[in-house]
PDB file of N, CA and C in Angstrom:
ATOM      1  N   MET A   1      -6.454  -9.678 -37.634  1.00  0.00           N
ATOM      2  CA  MET A   1      -7.849  -9.845 -37.323  1.00  0.00           C
ATOM      3  C   MET A   1      -7.995  -9.920 -35.804  1.00  0.00           C
ATOM      4  N   PRO A   2      -8.752  -9.027 -35.216  1.00  0.00           N
ATOM      5  CA  PRO A   2      -8.939  -9.061 -33.767  1.00  0.00           C
ATOM      6  C   PRO A   2      -9.837 -10.219 -33.340  1.00  0.00           C
ATOM      7  N   VAL A   3      -9.496 -10.824 -32.225  1.00  0.00           N
ATOM      8  CA  VAL A   3     -10.315 -11.878 -31.639  1.00  0.00           C
ATOM      9  C   VAL A   3     -10.877 -11.322 -30.341  1.00  0.00           C
ATOM     10  N   ILE A   4     -12.207 -11.248 -30.267  1.00  0.00           N
ATOM     11  CA  ILE A   4     -12.854 -10.719 -29.072  1.00  0.00           C
ATOM     12  C   ILE A   4     -13.802 -11.767 -28.497  1.00  0.00           C
ATOM     13  N   VAL A   5     -13.930 -11.740 -27.175  1.00  0.00           N
ATOM     14  CA  VAL A   5     -14.778 -12.710 -26.483  1.00  0.00           C
ATOM     15  C   VAL A   5     -15.510 -12.016 -25.349  1.00  0.00           C
ATOM     16  N   THR A   6     -16.548 -12.675 -24.866  1.00  0.00           N
ATOM     17  CA  THR A   6     -17.241 -12.248 -23.651  1.00  0.00           C
ATOM     18  C   THR A   6     -17.870 -13.485 -23.024  1.00  0.00           C
ATOM     19  N   VAL A   7     -18.514 -13.295 -21.902  1.00  0.00           N
ATOM     20  CA  VAL A   7     -19.225 -14.398 -21.251  1.00  0.00           C
ATOM     21  C   VAL A   7     -20.698 -14.020 -21.147  1.00  0.00           C
ATOM     22  N   LEU A   8     -21.558 -15.020 -21.075  1.00  0.00           N
ATOM     23  CA  LEU A   8     -22.998 -14.767 -21.070  1.00  0.00           C
ATOM     24  C   LEU A   8     -23.451 -13.933 -19.871  1.00  0.00           C
ATOM     25  N   ASP A   9     -22.836 -14.130 -18.709  1.00  0.00           N
ATOM     26  CA  ASP A   9     -23.231 -13.349 -17.526  1.00  0.00           C
ATOM     27  C   ASP A   9     -23.067 -11.852 -17.777  1.00  0.00           C
ATOM     28  N   LEU A  10     -21.938 -11.451 -18.369  1.00  0.00           N
ATOM     29  CA  LEU A  10     -21.722 -10.032 -18.667  1.00  0.00           C
ATOM     30  C   LEU A  10     -22.675  -9.550 -19.748  1.00  0.00           C
ATOM     31  N   LEU A  11     -22.902 -10.366 -20.746  1.00  0.00           N
ATOM     32  CA  LEU A  11     -23.813  -9.993 -21.829  1.00  0.00           C
ATOM     33  C   LEU A  11     -25.232  -9.794 -21.303  1.00  0.00           C
ATOM     34  N   GLU A  12     -25.684 -10.696 -20.439  1.00  0.00           N
ATOM     35  CA  GLU A  12     -27.023 -10.560 -19.869  1.00  0.00           C
ATOM     36  C   GLU A  12     -27.111  -9.363 -18.916  1.00  0.00           C
ATOM     37  N   GLY A  13     -26.051  -9.104 -18.179  1.00  0.00           N
ATOM     38  CA  GLY A  13     -26.073  -8.033 -17.184  1.00  0.00           C
ATOM     39  C   GLY A  13     -25.894  -6.637 -17.748  1.00  0.00           C
ATOM     40  N   HIS A  14     -25.135  -6.507 -18.816  1.00  0.00           N
ATOM     41  CA  HIS A  14     -24.804  -5.176 -19.333  1.00  0.00           C
ATOM     42  C   HIS A  14     -25.237  -4.931 -20.768  1.00  0.00           C
ATOM     43  N   GLY A  15     -25.650  -5.981 -21.466  1.00  0.00           N
ATOM     44  CA  GLY A  15     -26.055  -5.835 -22.861  1.00  0.00           C
ATOM     45  C   GLY A  15     -24.851  -5.776 -23.789  1.00  0.00           C
ATOM     46  N   PRO A  16     -25.089  -5.877 -25.084  1.00  0.00           N
ATOM     47  CA  PRO A  16     -23.992  -5.952 -26.054  1.00  0.00           C
ATOM     48  C   PRO A  16     -23.199  -4.651 -26.213  1.00  0.00           C
ATOM     49  N   HIS A  17     -23.749  -3.536 -25.727  1.00  0.00           N
ATOM     50  CA  HIS A  17     -23.062  -2.254 -25.887  1.00  0.00           C
ATOM     51  C   HIS A  17     -22.253  -1.858 -24.650  1.00  0.00           C
ATOM     52  N   GLY A  18     -22.269  -2.696 -23.616  1.00  0.00           N
ATOM     53  CA  GLY A  18     -21.519  -2.394 -22.402  1.00  0.00           C
ATOM     54  C   GLY A  18     -20.050  -2.773 -22.537  1.00  0.00           C
ATOM     55  N   GLN A  19     -19.292  -2.487 -21.501  1.00  0.00           N
ATOM     56  CA  GLN A  19     -17.874  -2.838 -21.495  1.00  0.00           C
ATOM     57  C   GLN A  19     -17.726  -4.296 -21.076  1.00  0.00           C
ATOM     58  N   ILE A  20     -18.068  -5.174 -21.988  1.00  0.00           N
ATOM     59  CA  ILE A  20     -18.070  -6.602 -21.692  1.00  0.00           C
ATOM     60  C   ILE A  20     -17.130  -7.381 -22.602  1.00  0.00           C
ATOM     61  N   TRP A  21     -16.579  -6.742 -23.602  1.00  0.00           N
ATOM     62  CA  TRP A  21     -15.806  -7.433 -24.621  1.00  0.00           C
ATOM     63  C   TRP A  21     -14.330  -7.446 -24.253  1.00  0.00           C
ATOM     64  N   ARG A  22     -13.716  -8.587 -24.398  1.00  0.00           N
ATOM     65  CA  ARG A  22     -12.294  -8.760 -24.100  1.00  0.00           C
ATOM     66  C   ARG A  22     -11.589  -9.094 -25.401  1.00  0.00           C
ATOM     67  N   ARG A  23     -10.611  -8.308 -25.751  1.00  0.00           N
ATOM     68  CA  ARG A  23      -9.824  -8.578 -26.951  1.00  0.00           C
ATOM     69  C   ARG A  23      -8.528  -9.251 -26.521  1.00  0.00           C
ATOM     70  N   TYR A  24      -8.227 -10.381 -27.151  1.00  0.00           N
ATOM     71  CA  TYR A  24      -6.986 -11.070 -26.813  1.00  0.00           C
ATOM     72  C   TYR A  24      -5.808 -10.135 -27.027  1.00  0.00           C
ATOM     73  N   GLY A  25      -4.911 -10.112 -26.046  1.00  0.00           N
ATOM     74  CA  GLY A  25      -3.762  -9.231 -26.092  1.00  0.00           C
ATOM     75  C   GLY A  25      -3.955  -7.963 -25.285  1.00  0.00           C
ATOM     76  N   ARG A  26      -5.147  -7.715 -24.814  1.00  0.00           N
ATOM     77  CA  ARG A  26      -5.425  -6.556 -23.964  1.00  0.00           C
ATOM     78  C   ARG A  26      -5.826  -7.033 -22.579  1.00  0.00           C
ATOM     79  N   THR A  27      -5.741  -6.134 -21.609  1.00  0.00           N
ATOM     80  CA  THR A  27      -5.975  -6.554 -20.228  1.00  0.00           C
ATOM     81  C   THR A  27      -7.296  -6.079 -19.649  1.00  0.00           C
ATOM     82  N   SER A  28      -8.085  -5.328 -20.411  1.00  0.00           N
ATOM     83  CA  SER A  28      -9.331  -4.798 -19.851  1.00  0.00           C
ATOM     84  C   SER A  28     -10.518  -5.155 -20.730  1.00  0.00           C
ATOM     85  N   HIS A  29     -11.705  -5.005 -20.147  1.00  0.00           N
ATOM     86  CA  HIS A  29     -12.930  -5.157 -20.925  1.00  0.00           C
ATOM     87  C   HIS A  29     -13.227  -3.829 -21.617  1.00  0.00           C
ATOM     88  N   ASP A  30     -13.722  -3.889 -22.843  1.00  0.00           N
ATOM     89  CA  ASP A  30     -14.021  -2.706 -23.635  1.00  0.00           C
ATOM     90  C   ASP A  30     -15.413  -2.808 -24.226  1.00  0.00           C
ATOM     91  N   THR A  31     -15.900  -1.690 -24.740  1.00  0.00           N
ATOM     92  CA  THR A  31     -17.113  -1.740 -25.544  1.00  0.00           C
ATOM     93  C   THR A  31     -16.749  -2.432 -26.851  1.00  0.00           C
ATOM     94  N   LEU A  32     -17.736  -2.863 -27.585  1.00  0.00           N
ATOM     95  CA  LEU A  32     -17.482  -3.553 -28.842  1.00  0.00           C
ATOM     96  C   LEU A  32     -16.678  -2.678 -29.798  1.00  0.00           C
ATOM     97  N   THR A  33     -17.037  -1.411 -29.894  1.00  0.00           N
ATOM     98  CA  THR A  33     -16.329  -0.490 -30.781  1.00  0.00           C
ATOM     99  C   THR A  33     -14.864  -0.356 -30.379  1.00  0.00           C
ATOM    100  N   ASP A  34     -14.605  -0.185 -29.085  1.00  0.00           N
ATOM    101  CA  ASP A  34     -13.218  -0.048 -28.619  1.00  0.00           C
ATOM    102  C   ASP A  34     -12.434  -1.349 -28.782  1.00  0.00           C
ATOM    103  N   ALA A  35     -13.091  -2.475 -28.570  1.00  0.00           N
ATOM    104  CA  ALA A  35     -12.413  -3.761 -28.717  1.00  0.00           C
ATOM    105  C   ALA A  35     -12.003  -4.017 -30.165  1.00  0.00           C
ATOM    106  N   LEU A  36     -12.781  -3.520 -31.103  1.00  0.00           N
ATOM    107  CA  LEU A  36     -12.470  -3.711 -32.518  1.00  0.00           C
ATOM    108  C   LEU A  36     -11.527  -2.651 -33.079  1.00  0.00           C
ATOM    109  N   ALA A  37     -11.329  -1.556 -32.339  1.00  0.00           N
ATOM    110  CA  ALA A  37     -10.479  -0.463 -32.820  1.00  0.00           C
ATOM    111  C   ALA A  37      -9.016  -0.889 -32.850  1.00  0.00           C
ATOM    112  N   ASN A  38      -8.281  -0.339 -33.809  1.00  0.00           N
ATOM    113  CA  ASN A  38      -6.861  -0.623 -33.945  1.00  0.00           C
ATOM    114  C   ASN A  38      -6.071   0.681 -33.885  1.00  0.00           C
ATOM    115  N   PRO A  39      -6.022   1.337 -32.722  1.00  0.00           N
ATOM    116  CA  PRO A  39      -5.398   2.656 -32.666  1.00  0.00           C
ATOM    117  C   PRO A  39      -3.914   2.645 -32.992  1.00  0.00           C
ATOM    118  N   ASP A  40      -3.176   1.667 -32.527  1.00  0.00           N
ATOM    119  CA  ASP A  40      -1.740   1.648 -32.791  1.00  0.00           C
ATOM    120  C   ASP A  40      -1.223   0.222 -32.916  1.00  0.00           C
ATOM    121  N   ASP A  41      -2.003  -0.646 -33.487  1.00  0.00           N
ATOM    122  CA  ASP A  41      -1.608  -2.042 -33.537  1.00  0.00           C
ATOM    123  C   ASP A  41      -0.342  -2.274 -34.343  1.00  0.00           C
ATOM    124  N   TYR A  42      -0.171  -1.579 -35.468  1.00  0.00           N
ATOM    125  CA  TYR A  42       1.041  -1.786 -36.247  1.00  0.00           C
ATOM    126  C   TYR A  42       2.258  -1.359 -35.435  1.00  0.00           C
ATOM    127  N   HIS A  43       2.146  -0.207 -34.776  1.00  0.00           N
ATOM    128  CA  HIS A  43       3.258   0.268 -33.958  1.00  0.00           C
ATOM    129  C   HIS A  43       3.535  -0.704 -32.809  1.00  0.00           C
ATOM    130  N   ALA A  44       2.492  -1.153 -32.150  1.00  0.00           N
ATOM    131  CA  ALA A  44       2.664  -2.081 -31.029  1.00  0.00           C
ATOM    132  C   ALA A  44       3.272  -3.396 -31.517  1.00  0.00           C
ATOM    133  N   TYR A  45       2.824  -3.872 -32.668  1.00  0.00           N
ATOM    134  CA  TYR A  45       3.362  -5.116 -33.224  1.00  0.00           C
ATOM    135  C   TYR A  45       4.838  -4.967 -33.577  1.00  0.00           C
ATOM    136  N   SER A  46       5.171  -3.897 -34.265  1.00  0.00           N
ATOM    137  CA  SER A  46       6.562  -3.728 -34.683  1.00  0.00           C
ATOM    138  C   SER A  46       7.464  -3.497 -33.477  1.00  0.00           C
ATOM    139  N   SER A  47       6.964  -2.812 -32.455  1.00  0.00           N
ATOM    140  CA  SER A  47       7.737  -2.592 -31.248  1.00  0.00           C
ATOM    141  C   SER A  47       8.003  -3.916 -30.538  1.00  0.00           C
ATOM    142  N   ALA A  48       6.990  -4.750 -30.404  1.00  0.00           N
ATOM    143  CA  ALA A  48       7.155  -6.054 -29.759  1.00  0.00           C
ATOM    144  C   ALA A  48       8.093  -6.933 -30.577  1.00  0.00           C
ATOM    145  N   ARG A  49       7.984  -6.848 -31.878  1.00  0.00           N
ATOM    146  CA  ARG A  49       8.855  -7.635 -32.753  1.00  0.00           C
ATOM    147  C   ARG A  49      10.306  -7.199 -32.585  1.00  0.00           C
ATOM    148  N   ASN A  50      10.527  -5.885 -32.522  1.00  0.00           N
ATOM    149  CA  ASN A  50      11.881  -5.378 -32.325  1.00  0.00           C
ATOM    150  C   ASN A  50      12.418  -5.780 -30.964  1.00  0.00           C
ATOM    151  N   ASP A  51      11.573  -5.725 -29.933  1.00  0.00           N
ATOM    152  CA  ASP A  51      11.997  -6.142 -28.593  1.00  0.00           C
ATOM    153  C   ASP A  51      12.380  -7.617 -28.582  1.00  0.00           C
ATOM    154  N   ALA A  52      11.602  -8.452 -29.274  1.00  0.00           N
ATOM    155  CA  ALA A  52      11.903  -9.880 -29.333  1.00  0.00           C
ATOM    156  C   ALA A  52      13.225 -10.103 -30.055  1.00  0.00           C
ATOM    157  N   GLY A  53      13.452  -9.385 -31.139  1.00  0.00           N
ATOM    158  CA  GLY A  53      14.715  -9.497 -31.863  1.00  0.00           C
ATOM    159  C   GLY A  53      15.885  -9.078 -31.010  1.00  0.00           C
ATOM    160  N   TRP A  54      15.710  -8.038 -30.234  1.00  0.00           N
ATOM    161  CA  TRP A  54      16.760  -7.565 -29.344  1.00  0.00           C
ATOM    162  C   TRP A  54      17.090  -8.629 -28.299  1.00  0.00           C
ATOM    163  N   ARG A  55      16.056  -9.254 -27.725  1.00  0.00           N
ATOM    164  CA  ARG A  55      16.292 -10.294 -26.717  1.00  0.00           C
ATOM    165  C   ARG A  55      17.037 -11.489 -27.316  1.00  0.00           C
ATOM    166  N   ILE A  56      16.673 -11.867 -28.531  1.00  0.00           N
ATOM    167  CA  ILE A  56      17.338 -12.995 -29.187  1.00  0.00           C
ATOM    168  C   ILE A  56      18.808 -12.670 -29.432  1.00  0.00           C
ATOM    169  N   ARG A  57      19.091 -11.464 -29.936  1.00  0.00           N
ATOM    170  CA  ARG A  57      20.483 -11.070 -30.174  1.00  0.00           C
ATOM    171  C   ARG A  57      21.262 -11.003 -28.867  1.00  0.00           C
ATOM    172  N   ARG A  58      20.628 -10.514 -27.812  1.00  0.00           N
ATOM    173  CA  ARG A  58      21.308 -10.410 -26.523  1.00  0.00           C
ATOM    174  C   ARG A  58      21.663 -11.794 -25.989  1.00  0.00           C
ATOM    175  N   ARG A  59      20.707 -12.745 -26.094  1.00  0.00           N
ATOM    176  CA  ARG A  59      20.993 -14.110 -25.633  1.00  0.00           C
ATOM    177  C   ARG A  59      22.150 -14.722 -26.426  1.00  0.00           C
ATOM    178  N   ALA A  60      22.147 -14.499 -27.732  1.00  0.00           N
ATOM    179  CA  ALA A  60      23.232 -15.036 -28.570  1.00  0.00           C
ATOM    180  C   ALA A  60      24.566 -14.418 -28.164  1.00  0.00           C
ATOM    181  N   ASN A  61      24.573 -13.124 -27.911  1.00  0.00           N
ATOM    182  CA  ASN A  61      25.805 -12.461 -27.480  1.00  0.00           C
ATOM    183  C   ASN A  61      26.242 -12.961 -26.105  1.00  0.00           C
ATOM    184  N   ASP A  62      25.284 -13.162 -25.204  1.00  0.00           N
ATOM    185  CA  ASP A  62      25.617 -13.675 -23.879  1.00  0.00           C
ATOM    186  C   ASP A  62      26.234 -15.072 -23.978  1.00  0.00           C
ATOM    187  N   ARG A  63      25.668 -15.917 -24.850  1.00  0.00           N
ATOM    188  CA  ARG A  63      26.197 -17.268 -25.023  1.00  0.00           C
ATOM    189  C   ARG A  63      27.605 -17.238 -25.588  1.00  0.00           C
ATOM    190  N   SER A  64      27.822 -16.426 -26.602  1.00  0.00           N
ATOM    191  CA  SER A  64      29.153 -16.378 -27.200  1.00  0.00           C
ATOM    192  C   SER A  64      30.161 -15.771 -26.234  1.00  0.00           C
ATOM    193  N   GLY A  65      29.734 -14.845 -25.416  1.00  0.00           N
ATOM    194  CA  GLY A  65      30.619 -14.254 -24.401  1.00  0.00           C
ATOM    195  C   GLY A  65      30.983 -15.258 -23.341  1.00  0.00           C
ATOM    196  N   SER A  66      30.028 -16.072 -22.900  1.00  0.00           N
ATOM    197  CA  SER A  66      30.325 -17.071 -21.867  1.00  0.00           C
ATOM    198  C   SER A  66      31.190 -18.186 -22.433  1.00  0.00           C
ATOM    199  N   THR A  67      31.056 -18.476 -23.727  1.00  0.00           N
ATOM    200  CA  THR A  67      31.893 -19.493 -24.369  1.00  0.00           C
ATOM    201  C   THR A  67      33.337 -19.007 -24.420  1.00  0.00           C
ATOM    202  N   ARG A  68      33.506 -17.723 -24.761  1.00  0.00           N
ATOM    203  CA  ARG A  68      34.852 -17.160 -24.814  1.00  0.00           C
ATOM    204  C   ARG A  68      35.496 -17.167 -23.429  1.00  0.00           C
ATOM    205  N   LYS A  69      34.714 -16.824 -22.406  1.00  0.00           N
ATOM    206  CA  LYS A  69      35.257 -16.777 -21.048  1.00  0.00           C
ATOM    207  C   LYS A  69      35.691 -18.170 -20.596  1.00  0.00           C
ATOM    208  N   SER A  70      34.860 -19.194 -20.880  1.00  0.00           N
ATOM    209  CA  SER A  70      35.198 -20.537 -20.440  1.00  0.00           C
ATOM    210  C   SER A  70      36.379 -21.088 -21.235  1.00  0.00           C
ATOM    211  N   ALA A  71      36.539 -20.692 -22.489  1.00  0.00           N
ATOM    212  CA  ALA A  71      37.665 -21.162 -23.296  1.00  0.00           C
ATOM    213  C   ALA A  71      38.975 -20.593 -22.770  1.00  0.00           C
ATOM    214  N   GLY A  72      38.941 -19.370 -22.252  1.00  0.00           N
ATOM    215  CA  GLY A  72      40.147 -18.748 -21.732  1.00  0.00           C
ATOM    216  C   GLY A  72      40.407 -19.056 -20.273  1.00  0.00           C
ATOM    217  N   ALA A  73      39.522 -19.766 -19.605  1.00  0.00           N
ATOM    218  CA  ALA A  73      39.649 -20.013 -18.170  1.00  0.00           C
ATOM    219  C   ALA A  73      40.755 -21.009 -17.842  1.00  0.00           C
ATOM    220  N   GLY A  74      41.086 -21.901 -18.770  1.00  0.00           N
ATOM    221  CA  GLY A  74      42.072 -22.928 -18.492  1.00  0.00           C
ATOM    222  C   GLY A  74      43.487 -22.468 -18.742  1.00  0.00           C
ATOM    223  N   ARG A  75      43.700 -21.274 -19.178  1.00  0.00           N
ATOM    224  CA  ARG A  75      45.038 -20.789 -19.517  1.00  0.00           C
ATOM    225  C   ARG A  75      45.801 -20.340 -18.333  1.00  0.00           C
TER     226      ARG A  75
END
């Protein structure tokens, strides 16, 4: 479910059909139609999820690698 917001100054200055709407997760103001559109949300979500999983696995590998290095340092 998209969450969109605006401020009264923009609404009064440009009306409800102007580029005044901000959708959480995006960096620009859009028209209401564009703010509600979901052009590639599933792809963007799955990509971000995969990136997060990759970072978690990398941190775990880095930790286990540093543990191995420190265990062998005293030899």
